[in-house]
Amino acid sequence: MDLGHVWGARGRFSYSDSMWMELARTLESTWPGQAVRTYTWLFPGLEVVHLLGLTTVFGGMVALDLRLLGMRRNTLSVSVLQRHILPLVWIGFAIATLSGLWLISFQATQLVNDEAFVIKMLLLPLAGLNAAFMHYIGQRGLPSWDIGQWSPPVVRISAVLSLLLWSGILACGRLIAYFYAPVFD
């Protein structure tokens, strides 16, 4: 696979002449992107909202994944925990997604070439696939191990993978702030 178009002449990650750059330019020209450039406090406000959404997702996923790994297995039912946690995780995910899209629209042409951003965008669908696997396949037979039993090995592997993926997503999100140009010149 030829990655010359991705890594550029000097070895720096670059999508400068791709369909992704065209999409990025289009996003920046939308009213959300222009609004962040116009109203000084909108960017930090969106950052706060985005972080609140992400911490809701991550906190819920950590609680659920630790339970699936065996923590409190004798006293806490997986199904009860899911019933209470997953609605909050979905709300947090919706908040993080909407605020994240708005944040992307502000500096899309810079973010397209940001390694941390690209890795974060690759990790997100992997986390989604892992969650879908866990929901539709991993938890078959849940009543037999809902409380007082170890979850099946495939469920524990999926829980570890979930923790790693979401930790990577958060780490990449924080690294974005250090890899791209200043927000306001």
Protein backbone atom coordinates (compact mmCIF):
# COMPACT_ATOMS: atom_id res chain seq x y z
CA MET A 1 0.00 0.00 0.00
CA ASP A 2 1.46 3.33 -1.05
CA LEU A 3 1.26 5.88 1.75
CA GLY A 4 3.17 8.58 -0.08
CA HIS A 5 0.03 10.66 -0.50
CA VAL A 6 -0.60 10.41 3.24
CA TRP A 7 2.88 11.01 4.65
CA GLY A 8 3.93 13.73 2.20
CA ALA A 9 7.35 14.67 0.91
CA ARG A 10 8.97 15.32 4.30
CA GLY A 11 7.48 12.34 6.09
CA ARG A 12 4.87 14.47 7.86
CA PHE A 13 1.34 13.10 7.99
CA SER A 14 -0.66 14.99 5.35
CA TYR A 15 -4.00 14.77 3.60
CA SER A 16 -3.60 18.20 2.01
CA ASP A 17 -4.64 17.11 -1.50
CA SER A 18 -7.40 14.66 -0.75
CA MET A 19 -11.14 14.38 -0.58
CA TRP A 20 -10.75 14.71 3.21
CA MET A 21 -9.30 18.19 2.77
CA GLU A 22 -12.23 19.15 0.54
CA LEU A 23 -14.64 17.91 3.20
CA ALA A 24 -12.68 19.85 5.82
CA ARG A 25 -12.91 23.07 3.80
CA THR A 26 -16.64 22.53 3.40
CA LEU A 27 -17.08 21.98 7.15
CA GLU A 28 -15.15 25.15 7.97
CA SER A 29 -17.41 27.19 5.69
CA THR A 30 -20.59 26.13 7.52
CA TRP A 31 -22.28 28.40 10.04
CA PRO A 32 -21.11 26.34 13.07
CA GLY A 33 -17.47 26.70 12.00
CA GLN A 34 -17.89 30.39 11.33
CA ALA A 35 -19.70 30.93 14.63
CA VAL A 36 -16.76 29.54 16.64
CA ARG A 37 -14.41 31.91 14.80
CA THR A 38 -16.78 34.83 15.42
CA TYR A 39 -17.72 34.38 19.09
CA THR A 40 -14.64 34.14 21.29
CA TRP A 41 -16.25 32.23 24.17
CA LEU A 42 -17.97 29.65 22.00
CA PHE A 43 -14.84 27.51 21.56
CA PRO A 44 -14.07 27.14 25.30
CA GLY A 45 -17.76 26.58 25.99
CA LEU A 46 -17.91 23.80 23.40
CA GLU A 47 -14.74 22.28 24.86
CA VAL A 48 -16.36 22.13 28.31
CA VAL A 49 -19.55 20.58 26.91
CA HIS A 50 -17.48 18.07 24.89
CA LEU A 51 -15.44 17.07 27.95
CA LEU A 52 -18.59 16.67 30.06
CA GLY A 53 -20.05 14.37 27.41
CA LEU A 54 -16.85 12.35 27.17
CA THR A 55 -16.47 11.99 30.92
CA THR A 56 -20.04 10.73 31.13
CA VAL A 57 -19.30 8.13 28.45
CA PHE A 58 -15.94 7.15 29.91
CA GLY A 59 -17.18 7.03 33.51
CA GLY A 60 -20.09 4.82 32.58
CA MET A 61 -17.95 2.54 30.44
CA VAL A 62 -15.32 2.17 33.17
CA ALA A 63 -17.98 1.22 35.74
CA LEU A 64 -19.54 -1.31 33.37
CA ASP A 65 -16.24 -2.74 32.13
CA LEU A 66 -14.89 -3.18 35.66
CA ARG A 67 -18.04 -5.05 36.62
CA LEU A 68 -17.67 -7.26 33.52
CA LEU A 69 -14.08 -7.95 34.61
CA GLY A 70 -15.38 -9.28 37.92
CA MET A 71 -15.42 -6.34 40.30
CA ARG A 72 -18.38 -6.61 42.71
CA ARG A 73 -19.63 -9.70 40.84
CA ASN A 74 -21.18 -11.12 44.01
CA THR A 75 -23.23 -8.04 44.84
CA LEU A 76 -23.91 -6.12 41.61
CA SER A 77 -25.99 -7.46 38.74
CA VAL A 78 -24.69 -6.67 35.24
CA SER A 79 -28.22 -6.24 33.92
CA VAL A 80 -29.16 -3.78 36.69
CA LEU A 81 -25.95 -1.81 36.18
CA GLN A 82 -26.55 -1.67 32.42
CA ARG A 83 -30.12 -0.51 32.90
CA HIS A 84 -28.92 2.44 35.01
CA ILE A 85 -25.64 3.29 33.28
CA LEU A 86 -26.25 2.82 29.55
CA PRO A 87 -28.91 5.55 29.16
CA LEU A 88 -26.44 8.03 30.69
CA VAL A 89 -23.65 6.75 28.43
CA TRP A 90 -25.86 7.30 25.37
CA ILE A 91 -26.74 10.84 26.50
CA GLY A 92 -23.06 11.59 27.07
CA PHE A 93 -22.20 10.11 23.68
CA ALA A 94 -24.80 12.29 21.95
CA ILE A 95 -23.47 15.40 23.72
CA ALA A 96 -19.85 14.52 22.90
CA THR A 97 -20.69 13.75 19.27
CA LEU A 98 -22.64 16.95 18.63
CA SER A 99 -20.13 19.19 20.40
CA GLY A 100 -17.25 17.31 18.77
CA LEU A 101 -18.68 17.82 15.29
CA TRP A 102 -19.06 21.51 16.04
CA LEU A 103 -15.46 21.68 17.28
CA ILE A 104 -14.24 19.87 14.16
CA SER A 105 -16.07 22.32 11.90
CA PHE A 106 -14.02 25.15 13.38
CA GLN A 107 -10.55 23.84 12.41
CA ALA A 108 -11.23 20.94 10.10
CA THR A 109 -8.40 21.74 7.66
CA GLN A 110 -5.86 21.63 10.48
CA LEU A 111 -7.35 18.57 12.15
CA VAL A 112 -7.29 16.51 8.95
CA ASN A 113 -3.49 16.55 9.20
CA ASP A 114 -3.32 16.03 12.97
CA GLU A 115 -2.09 12.54 13.88
CA ALA A 116 -3.87 12.51 17.24
CA PHE A 117 -7.16 13.53 15.64
CA VAL A 118 -6.89 10.89 12.91
CA ILE A 119 -6.07 8.17 15.46
CA LYS A 120 -9.00 9.30 17.63
CA MET A 121 -11.31 9.10 14.62
CA LEU A 122 -10.04 5.57 13.90
CA LEU A 123 -10.47 4.45 17.52
CA LEU A 124 -14.08 5.68 17.78
CA PRO A 125 -15.58 3.20 15.29
CA LEU A 126 -13.47 0.42 16.82
CA ALA A 127 -14.97 1.24 20.22
CA GLY A 128 -18.41 1.21 18.61
CA LEU A 129 -17.80 -2.18 17.00
CA ASN A 130 -16.56 -3.55 20.32
CA ALA A 131 -19.68 -2.24 22.07
CA ALA A 132 -21.92 -3.75 19.39
CA PHE A 133 -20.10 -7.06 19.71
CA MET A 134 -20.55 -6.96 23.48
CA HIS A 135 -24.23 -6.09 23.21
CA TYR A 136 -25.27 -8.54 20.50
CA ILE A 137 -22.85 -11.45 20.92
CA GLY A 138 -20.82 -11.19 24.11
CA GLN A 139 -23.75 -11.05 26.46
CA ARG A 140 -25.61 -14.06 25.20
CA GLY A 141 -26.42 -16.16 28.20
CA LEU A 142 -26.26 -13.14 30.54
CA PRO A 143 -28.75 -14.61 33.02
CA SER A 144 -26.32 -17.45 33.80
CA TRP A 145 -23.52 -15.08 34.85
CA ASP A 146 -25.43 -11.87 35.70
CA ILE A 147 -24.51 -11.98 39.37
CA GLY A 148 -22.21 -14.14 41.47
CA GLN A 149 -20.32 -15.64 38.49
CA TRP A 150 -17.38 -14.62 36.37
CA SER A 151 -18.34 -13.27 32.97
CA PRO A 152 -17.23 -15.42 30.02
CA PRO A 153 -13.64 -14.88 28.77
CA VAL A 154 -14.83 -13.24 25.54
CA VAL A 155 -16.75 -10.67 27.60
CA ARG A 156 -13.73 -9.96 29.78
CA ILE A 157 -11.52 -9.53 26.71
CA SER A 158 -14.08 -7.15 25.24
CA ALA A 159 -14.17 -5.18 28.53
CA VAL A 160 -10.37 -4.80 28.52
CA LEU A 161 -10.49 -3.75 24.88
CA SER A 162 -13.19 -1.22 25.72
CA LEU A 163 -11.06 0.29 28.50
CA LEU A 164 -8.04 0.49 26.18
CA LEU A 165 -10.00 2.00 23.28
CA TRP A 166 -11.72 4.65 25.38
CA SER A 167 -8.46 5.50 27.15
CA GLY A 168 -6.85 5.91 23.74
CA ILE A 169 -9.72 8.11 22.56
CA LEU A 170 -9.36 10.36 25.60
CA ALA A 171 -5.56 10.50 25.29
CA CYS A 172 -5.73 11.40 21.61
CA GLY A 173 -8.33 14.05 22.35
CA ARG A 174 -6.01 15.68 24.84
CA LEU A 175 -3.05 15.41 22.46
CA ILE A 176 -4.95 17.27 19.75
CA ALA A 177 -4.51 20.44 21.80
CA TYR A 178 -0.73 20.01 21.62
CA PHE A 179 -0.39 19.08 17.95
CA TYR A 180 -2.31 21.75 16.10
CA ALA A 181 -1.76 25.47 15.71
CA PRO A 182 -3.13 27.89 18.30
CA VAL A 183 -6.90 28.35 18.23
CA PHE A 184 -6.77 32.13 17.99
CA ASP A 185 -3.81 33.94 16.47
